[in-house]
N, C-alpha and C. Protein backbone atom coordinates (compact mmCIF):
# COMPACT_ATOMS: atom_id res chain seq x y z
N MET A 1 111.10 76.14 95.77
CA MET A 1 109.97 77.03 95.55
C MET A 1 110.50 78.33 94.91
N ASP A 2 110.00 78.67 93.75
CA ASP A 2 110.48 79.88 93.08
C ASP A 2 109.87 81.13 93.71
N THR A 3 110.32 82.28 93.25
CA THR A 3 109.91 83.56 93.84
C THR A 3 108.40 83.78 93.70
N HIS A 4 107.85 83.42 92.54
CA HIS A 4 106.41 83.62 92.31
C HIS A 4 105.60 82.80 93.31
N THR A 5 105.94 81.52 93.43
CA THR A 5 105.18 80.68 94.36
C THR A 5 105.33 81.14 95.76
N GLY A 6 106.52 81.55 96.18
CA GLY A 6 106.70 82.03 97.56
C GLY A 6 105.88 83.26 97.84
N ALA A 7 105.87 84.23 96.96
CA ALA A 7 105.11 85.46 97.16
C ALA A 7 103.63 85.20 97.17
N LEU A 8 103.14 84.37 96.27
CA LEU A 8 101.71 84.10 96.22
C LEU A 8 101.28 83.23 97.40
N THR A 9 102.14 82.34 97.85
CA THR A 9 101.83 81.54 99.04
C THR A 9 101.75 82.43 100.27
N TRP A 10 102.70 83.38 100.37
CA TRP A 10 102.67 84.32 101.47
C TRP A 10 101.35 85.11 101.46
N LEU A 11 100.94 85.56 100.27
CA LEU A 11 99.68 86.28 100.14
C LEU A 11 98.51 85.43 100.54
N ALA A 12 98.50 84.16 100.14
CA ALA A 12 97.39 83.26 100.45
C ALA A 12 97.32 82.99 101.95
N GLN A 13 98.47 82.83 102.57
CA GLN A 13 98.45 82.61 104.03
C GLN A 13 97.87 83.78 104.75
N GLY A 14 98.17 84.98 104.29
CA GLY A 14 97.59 86.19 104.90
C GLY A 14 96.09 86.24 104.70
N ALA A 15 95.65 85.86 103.52
CA ALA A 15 94.23 85.85 103.18
C ALA A 15 93.52 84.83 104.05
N ALA A 16 94.16 83.73 104.32
CA ALA A 16 93.53 82.67 105.10
C ALA A 16 93.30 83.05 106.53
N SER A 17 94.06 83.95 107.06
CA SER A 17 93.96 84.29 108.46
C SER A 17 93.00 85.47 108.70
N ASN A 18 91.84 85.37 108.11
CA ASN A 18 90.76 86.34 108.31
C ASN A 18 91.06 87.68 107.65
N LEU A 19 92.18 87.77 106.97
CA LEU A 19 92.56 89.03 106.30
C LEU A 19 91.67 89.29 105.10
N LEU A 20 91.21 88.24 104.49
CA LEU A 20 90.38 88.38 103.27
C LEU A 20 89.16 89.26 103.52
N ASP A 21 88.42 88.97 104.58
CA ASP A 21 87.20 89.73 104.86
C ASP A 21 87.52 91.18 105.14
N ARG A 22 88.55 91.46 105.92
CA ARG A 22 88.93 92.85 106.23
C ARG A 22 89.37 93.60 105.01
N LEU A 23 90.17 92.97 104.13
CA LEU A 23 90.64 93.64 102.94
C LEU A 23 89.53 93.91 101.93
N VAL A 24 88.64 92.98 101.80
CA VAL A 24 87.51 93.14 100.89
C VAL A 24 86.63 94.29 101.38
N ASP A 25 86.35 94.32 102.68
CA ASP A 25 85.56 95.42 103.23
C ASP A 25 86.21 96.75 102.98
N ARG A 26 87.53 96.84 103.19
CA ARG A 26 88.24 98.08 103.01
C ARG A 26 88.25 98.50 101.51
N ALA A 27 88.41 97.53 100.61
CA ALA A 27 88.41 97.83 99.19
C ALA A 27 87.07 98.38 98.74
N LEU A 28 85.98 97.82 99.28
CA LEU A 28 84.65 98.26 98.87
C LEU A 28 84.18 99.52 99.54
N ASP A 29 84.69 99.79 100.78
CA ASP A 29 84.28 100.94 101.54
C ASP A 29 85.06 102.22 101.18
N GLY A 30 86.14 102.08 100.51
CA GLY A 30 86.96 103.24 100.17
C GLY A 30 88.39 103.01 100.60
N SER A 31 89.28 103.63 99.91
CA SER A 31 90.69 103.41 100.20
C SER A 31 91.17 104.19 101.41
N PRO A 32 92.06 103.60 102.19
CA PRO A 32 92.65 104.31 103.35
C PRO A 32 93.66 105.31 102.85
N PRO A 33 94.26 106.09 103.74
CA PRO A 33 95.26 107.03 103.29
C PRO A 33 96.41 106.28 102.59
N THR A 34 97.11 107.00 101.73
CA THR A 34 98.18 106.38 100.96
C THR A 34 99.19 105.75 101.90
N PRO A 35 99.44 104.46 101.76
CA PRO A 35 100.35 103.77 102.68
C PRO A 35 101.81 104.12 102.41
N ALA A 36 102.59 104.11 103.44
CA ALA A 36 104.06 104.27 103.30
C ALA A 36 104.70 102.90 103.48
N TRP A 37 105.82 102.71 102.89
CA TRP A 37 106.50 101.40 102.98
C TRP A 37 106.92 101.20 104.41
N PRO A 38 106.86 99.95 104.90
CA PRO A 38 107.06 99.71 106.36
C PRO A 38 108.47 99.83 106.88
N ARG A 39 109.46 100.05 106.05
CA ARG A 39 110.80 100.16 106.57
C ARG A 39 111.43 101.51 106.15
N PRO A 40 112.41 101.97 106.90
CA PRO A 40 113.08 103.23 106.50
C PRO A 40 113.79 103.00 105.17
N PRO A 41 113.73 103.96 104.24
CA PRO A 41 114.34 103.76 102.95
C PRO A 41 115.88 103.88 103.03
N LYS A 42 116.54 102.95 102.30
CA LYS A 42 118.00 103.05 102.10
C LYS A 42 118.31 103.91 100.91
N THR A 43 117.35 103.96 99.96
CA THR A 43 117.49 104.78 98.79
C THR A 43 116.32 105.76 98.75
N ALA A 44 116.45 106.75 97.90
CA ALA A 44 115.38 107.74 97.79
C ALA A 44 114.09 107.07 97.35
N ALA A 45 112.98 107.57 97.84
CA ALA A 45 111.69 107.00 97.55
C ALA A 45 111.25 107.31 96.12
N GLY A 46 110.48 106.42 95.58
CA GLY A 46 109.80 106.60 94.32
C GLY A 46 108.35 106.19 94.53
N THR A 47 107.58 106.29 93.47
CA THR A 47 106.14 105.93 93.57
C THR A 47 105.89 104.86 92.53
N VAL A 48 105.13 103.85 92.92
CA VAL A 48 104.70 102.83 91.97
C VAL A 48 103.18 102.97 91.81
N GLU A 49 102.73 102.93 90.59
CA GLU A 49 101.30 102.94 90.26
C GLU A 49 100.94 101.59 89.75
N ILE A 50 100.20 100.81 90.56
CA ILE A 50 99.85 99.44 90.20
C ILE A 50 98.38 99.35 89.81
N THR A 51 98.14 98.79 88.63
CA THR A 51 96.79 98.54 88.16
C THR A 51 96.65 97.06 87.86
N VAL A 52 95.51 96.50 88.30
CA VAL A 52 95.22 95.07 88.06
C VAL A 52 94.13 94.98 87.00
N ARG A 53 94.37 94.21 85.97
CA ARG A 53 93.37 94.02 84.90
C ARG A 53 93.01 92.55 84.83
N HIS A 54 91.72 92.27 84.58
CA HIS A 54 91.23 90.90 84.43
C HIS A 54 90.38 90.84 83.20
N HIS A 55 90.63 89.86 82.35
CA HIS A 55 89.95 89.79 81.04
C HIS A 55 88.44 89.59 81.17
N ALA A 56 87.97 88.93 82.21
CA ALA A 56 86.53 88.71 82.36
C ALA A 56 86.06 89.30 83.69
N ALA A 57 86.30 90.57 83.84
CA ALA A 57 85.98 91.25 85.09
C ALA A 57 84.50 91.24 85.37
N ALA A 58 84.17 91.03 86.64
CA ALA A 58 82.77 91.04 87.03
C ALA A 58 82.27 92.49 87.00
N LYS A 59 80.98 92.66 86.93
CA LYS A 59 80.40 93.99 86.94
C LYS A 59 80.45 94.54 88.37
N GLY A 60 80.48 95.83 88.46
CA GLY A 60 80.49 96.44 89.79
C GLY A 60 81.92 96.57 90.33
N ARG A 61 81.98 96.78 91.62
CA ARG A 61 83.26 96.98 92.27
C ARG A 61 83.79 95.65 92.77
N THR A 62 84.75 95.12 92.04
CA THR A 62 85.34 93.82 92.39
C THR A 62 86.61 94.04 93.20
N PRO A 63 86.69 93.45 94.42
CA PRO A 63 87.87 93.67 95.23
C PRO A 63 89.06 92.86 94.79
N VAL A 64 90.20 93.42 95.00
CA VAL A 64 91.48 92.78 94.69
C VAL A 64 92.40 92.88 95.88
N ILE A 65 93.05 91.75 96.22
CA ILE A 65 94.06 91.73 97.29
C ILE A 65 95.38 91.81 96.58
N LEU A 66 96.14 92.85 96.90
CA LEU A 66 97.42 93.13 96.22
C LEU A 66 98.54 93.03 97.23
N THR A 67 99.63 92.38 96.88
CA THR A 67 100.78 92.35 97.77
C THR A 67 102.01 92.86 97.02
N LEU A 68 102.90 93.45 97.77
CA LEU A 68 104.14 94.00 97.22
C LEU A 68 105.26 93.58 98.08
N GLN A 69 106.32 92.93 97.47
CA GLN A 69 107.48 92.46 98.21
C GLN A 69 108.73 92.98 97.51
N GLU A 70 109.73 93.27 98.31
CA GLU A 70 111.03 93.58 97.73
C GLU A 70 111.65 92.23 97.27
N ASN A 71 112.44 92.29 96.19
CA ASN A 71 113.10 91.07 95.73
C ASN A 71 114.02 90.53 96.83
N GLY A 72 113.89 89.24 97.09
CA GLY A 72 114.71 88.59 98.11
C GLY A 72 114.10 88.63 99.50
N SER A 73 113.05 89.37 99.70
CA SER A 73 112.43 89.46 101.02
C SER A 73 111.42 88.30 101.19
N ARG A 74 111.26 87.84 102.43
CA ARG A 74 110.29 86.81 102.71
C ARG A 74 108.98 87.37 103.25
N THR A 75 108.89 88.69 103.38
CA THR A 75 107.68 89.34 103.84
C THR A 75 107.30 90.43 102.83
N GLY A 76 106.10 90.90 102.98
CA GLY A 76 105.62 91.99 102.09
C GLY A 76 104.51 92.73 102.76
N THR A 77 103.89 93.61 102.01
CA THR A 77 102.77 94.39 102.52
C THR A 77 101.58 94.13 101.63
N VAL A 78 100.40 93.99 102.28
CA VAL A 78 99.14 93.69 101.57
C VAL A 78 98.31 94.95 101.50
N PHE A 79 97.75 95.19 100.31
CA PHE A 79 96.86 96.35 100.10
C PHE A 79 95.55 95.82 99.50
N SER A 80 94.49 96.55 99.72
CA SER A 80 93.23 96.19 99.09
C SER A 80 92.87 97.30 98.10
N VAL A 81 92.50 96.89 96.90
CA VAL A 81 92.10 97.86 95.84
C VAL A 81 90.87 97.31 95.14
N VAL A 82 90.34 98.12 94.26
CA VAL A 82 89.19 97.72 93.42
C VAL A 82 89.72 97.45 92.04
N LEU A 83 89.25 96.38 91.40
CA LEU A 83 89.73 95.99 90.08
C LEU A 83 89.61 97.14 89.11
N GLY A 84 90.71 97.43 88.40
CA GLY A 84 90.74 98.52 87.41
C GLY A 84 91.20 99.85 87.97
N ASN A 85 91.10 100.04 89.30
CA ASN A 85 91.64 101.27 89.90
C ASN A 85 93.13 101.17 90.02
N THR A 86 93.77 102.31 90.19
CA THR A 86 95.23 102.36 90.31
C THR A 86 95.62 102.68 91.74
N ALA A 87 96.53 101.84 92.31
CA ALA A 87 97.05 102.09 93.65
C ALA A 87 98.37 102.81 93.50
N ARG A 88 98.54 103.94 94.18
CA ARG A 88 99.78 104.70 94.17
C ARG A 88 100.45 104.50 95.51
N ILE A 89 101.64 103.91 95.48
CA ILE A 89 102.33 103.54 96.73
C ILE A 89 103.75 104.10 96.69
N ALA A 90 104.13 104.82 97.77
CA ALA A 90 105.48 105.33 97.87
C ALA A 90 106.36 104.26 98.51
N VAL A 91 107.43 103.88 97.81
CA VAL A 91 108.36 102.86 98.28
C VAL A 91 109.77 103.29 97.98
N PRO A 92 110.78 102.77 98.73
CA PRO A 92 112.16 103.03 98.37
C PRO A 92 112.47 102.48 96.98
N GLY A 93 113.35 103.12 96.28
CA GLY A 93 113.72 102.66 94.93
C GLY A 93 114.31 101.25 95.02
N GLY A 94 114.02 100.44 94.00
CA GLY A 94 114.53 99.06 93.96
C GLY A 94 113.66 98.16 93.16
N ASP A 95 113.96 96.86 93.23
CA ASP A 95 113.19 95.84 92.52
C ASP A 95 112.17 95.19 93.43
N TYR A 96 110.98 94.99 92.89
CA TYR A 96 109.87 94.47 93.67
C TYR A 96 109.13 93.40 92.87
N PHE A 97 108.28 92.68 93.61
CA PHE A 97 107.42 91.67 93.02
C PHE A 97 105.99 91.95 93.50
N GLY A 98 105.06 92.12 92.58
CA GLY A 98 103.65 92.40 92.96
C GLY A 98 102.80 91.20 92.56
N ALA A 99 101.87 90.81 93.42
CA ALA A 99 100.94 89.75 93.15
C ALA A 99 99.52 90.21 93.48
N ALA A 100 98.53 89.74 92.72
CA ALA A 100 97.17 90.15 92.91
C ALA A 100 96.22 88.94 92.87
N MET A 101 95.19 89.01 93.73
CA MET A 101 94.13 88.01 93.76
C MET A 101 92.82 88.75 93.58
N VAL A 102 92.07 88.44 92.54
CA VAL A 102 90.74 89.03 92.28
C VAL A 102 89.71 88.07 92.88
N VAL A 103 88.92 88.60 93.84
CA VAL A 103 88.01 87.73 94.58
C VAL A 103 86.57 88.18 94.45
N ASP A 104 85.66 87.23 94.62
CA ASP A 104 84.23 87.51 94.73
C ASP A 104 83.86 87.20 96.16
N PRO A 105 83.70 88.21 97.04
CA PRO A 105 83.48 87.93 98.46
C PRO A 105 82.12 87.28 98.76
N ARG A 106 81.13 87.51 97.93
CA ARG A 106 79.80 86.91 98.18
C ARG A 106 79.81 85.42 97.98
N ARG A 107 80.44 84.97 96.92
CA ARG A 107 80.48 83.53 96.63
C ARG A 107 81.79 82.90 97.09
N ARG A 108 82.69 83.70 97.63
CA ARG A 108 83.99 83.26 98.12
C ARG A 108 84.75 82.46 97.05
N THR A 109 84.79 83.07 95.86
CA THR A 109 85.49 82.47 94.75
C THR A 109 86.67 83.30 94.34
N LEU A 110 87.66 82.65 93.83
CA LEU A 110 88.85 83.34 93.31
C LEU A 110 88.62 83.48 91.81
N GLN A 111 88.50 84.72 91.35
CA GLN A 111 88.24 84.96 89.92
C GLN A 111 89.49 85.11 89.08
N GLY A 112 90.56 85.58 89.71
CA GLY A 112 91.78 85.77 88.94
C GLY A 112 92.99 85.84 89.85
N ILE A 113 94.13 85.51 89.31
CA ILE A 113 95.38 85.60 90.03
C ILE A 113 96.48 86.00 89.05
N GLY A 114 97.37 86.85 89.48
CA GLY A 114 98.42 87.30 88.58
C GLY A 114 99.60 87.93 89.35
N TRP A 115 100.70 88.11 88.69
CA TRP A 115 101.89 88.68 89.31
C TRP A 115 102.73 89.39 88.25
N SER A 116 103.61 90.25 88.72
CA SER A 116 104.49 91.00 87.85
C SER A 116 105.71 91.51 88.64
N ARG A 117 106.81 91.57 87.99
CA ARG A 117 108.02 92.16 88.56
C ARG A 117 108.02 93.63 88.18
N LEU A 118 108.57 94.47 89.07
CA LEU A 118 108.63 95.87 88.75
C LEU A 118 109.87 96.50 89.36
N THR A 119 110.34 97.56 88.72
CA THR A 119 111.48 98.31 89.21
C THR A 119 111.01 99.71 89.50
N VAL A 120 111.25 100.19 90.72
CA VAL A 120 110.87 101.54 91.13
C VAL A 120 112.11 102.41 91.11
N ALA A 121 112.06 103.47 90.33
CA ALA A 121 113.15 104.41 90.24
C ALA A 121 113.00 105.50 91.29
N ALA A 122 114.09 105.90 91.92
CA ALA A 122 114.06 106.94 92.94
C ALA A 122 113.56 108.23 92.30
N HIS A 123 112.74 108.95 93.03
CA HIS A 123 112.20 110.27 92.62
C HIS A 123 111.37 110.19 91.32
N ARG A 124 110.86 109.02 90.96
CA ARG A 124 110.07 108.88 89.76
C ARG A 124 108.83 108.07 90.03
N THR A 125 107.88 108.11 89.10
CA THR A 125 106.69 107.30 89.17
C THR A 125 106.82 106.16 88.20
N SER A 126 106.70 104.93 88.69
CA SER A 126 106.87 103.75 87.85
C SER A 126 105.51 103.05 87.70
N PRO A 127 105.01 102.92 86.49
CA PRO A 127 103.72 102.21 86.30
C PRO A 127 103.93 100.70 86.30
N CYS A 128 102.92 99.96 86.75
CA CYS A 128 102.94 98.51 86.74
C CYS A 128 101.55 97.99 86.44
N LEU A 129 101.44 97.09 85.50
CA LEU A 129 100.16 96.45 85.16
C LEU A 129 100.29 94.98 85.51
N ILE A 130 99.36 94.49 86.36
CA ILE A 130 99.35 93.10 86.73
C ILE A 130 98.17 92.43 86.02
N PRO A 131 98.44 91.58 85.02
CA PRO A 131 97.35 90.88 84.34
C PRO A 131 96.91 89.69 85.20
N ALA A 132 95.65 89.62 85.55
CA ALA A 132 95.10 88.52 86.34
C ALA A 132 94.36 87.56 85.41
N ASN A 133 94.69 86.30 85.51
CA ASN A 133 94.03 85.27 84.70
C ASN A 133 93.27 84.31 85.59
N ARG A 134 92.32 83.62 85.01
CA ARG A 134 91.50 82.67 85.77
C ARG A 134 92.42 81.57 86.30
N PRO A 135 92.33 81.29 87.63
CA PRO A 135 93.18 80.23 88.21
C PRO A 135 92.69 78.85 87.87
N THR A 136 93.60 77.89 87.93
CA THR A 136 93.24 76.50 87.73
C THR A 136 93.49 75.72 89.03
N ALA A 137 92.91 74.57 89.13
CA ALA A 137 93.07 73.77 90.35
C ALA A 137 94.54 73.43 90.63
N PRO A 138 95.35 73.07 89.61
CA PRO A 138 96.76 72.77 89.88
C PRO A 138 97.50 74.01 90.41
N VAL A 139 97.17 75.21 89.94
CA VAL A 139 97.81 76.40 90.46
C VAL A 139 97.46 76.63 91.91
N LEU A 140 96.21 76.44 92.25
CA LEU A 140 95.78 76.63 93.65
C LEU A 140 96.48 75.59 94.56
N LEU A 141 96.65 74.36 94.10
CA LEU A 141 97.36 73.38 94.90
C LEU A 141 98.80 73.72 95.07
N GLN A 142 99.42 74.17 93.98
CA GLN A 142 100.85 74.56 94.03
C GLN A 142 101.08 75.72 94.99
N LEU A 143 100.16 76.68 95.04
CA LEU A 143 100.32 77.85 95.88
C LEU A 143 99.91 77.59 97.33
N GLY A 144 99.27 76.47 97.59
CA GLY A 144 98.90 76.14 98.95
C GLY A 144 97.70 76.94 99.43
N LEU A 145 96.76 77.26 98.54
CA LEU A 145 95.60 78.04 98.92
C LEU A 145 94.56 77.16 99.61
N ARG A 146 94.90 76.75 100.85
CA ARG A 146 94.03 75.88 101.64
C ARG A 146 93.98 76.43 103.07
N LYS A 147 92.85 76.15 103.72
CA LYS A 147 92.71 76.48 105.13
C LYS A 147 93.52 75.49 105.96
N ALA A 148 93.63 75.75 107.25
CA ALA A 148 94.41 74.90 108.14
C ALA A 148 93.86 73.48 108.15
N ASP A 149 92.55 73.28 107.96
CA ASP A 149 91.96 71.95 107.96
C ASP A 149 92.10 71.24 106.63
N GLY A 150 92.74 71.86 105.63
CA GLY A 150 92.96 71.24 104.33
C GLY A 150 91.90 71.54 103.28
N THR A 151 90.80 72.21 103.69
CA THR A 151 89.77 72.53 102.70
C THR A 151 90.25 73.71 101.85
N PRO A 152 89.79 73.83 100.62
CA PRO A 152 90.22 74.93 99.79
C PRO A 152 89.77 76.29 100.34
N LEU A 153 90.61 77.29 100.21
CA LEU A 153 90.32 78.60 100.67
C LEU A 153 89.26 79.28 99.78
N PHE A 154 89.31 78.96 98.48
CA PHE A 154 88.40 79.53 97.48
C PHE A 154 87.82 78.43 96.62
N ARG A 155 86.65 78.71 96.05
CA ARG A 155 86.07 77.88 95.02
C ARG A 155 86.47 78.53 93.70
N LEU A 156 86.58 77.68 92.66
CA LEU A 156 86.88 78.19 91.33
C LEU A 156 85.62 78.41 90.55
């Protein structure tokens, strides 16, 4: 399993455990205070500005589930944002992997999925754009986007 598949599978497993509803609610109700990275930094902190773009974005405020992982880590942190808005996150300097899922909570459909690698420089702001594309059935199967009973987590 490559890094992309592992990170997106980790994100999907989190979404499957009732996290989807809470993250969507938080994205639509307003952003929480700026999150800090969950571990003490080994290097000086930097800031990453992550924006998710989707070519066929729905009208209105479309929620996005965003995850950020350090390279080589098997865990990450999940954030909820609104499509097109920029999330500013303070993290220790280093290499990261960001993944995004654009969802429609009313119809419980996955509208887009994307990922990007990024490097955060200490004491600097690093921009990151994650392009989200329409998912396909083979991609969903590869990522394991299924509930515990085997039914799909999202409709396409």
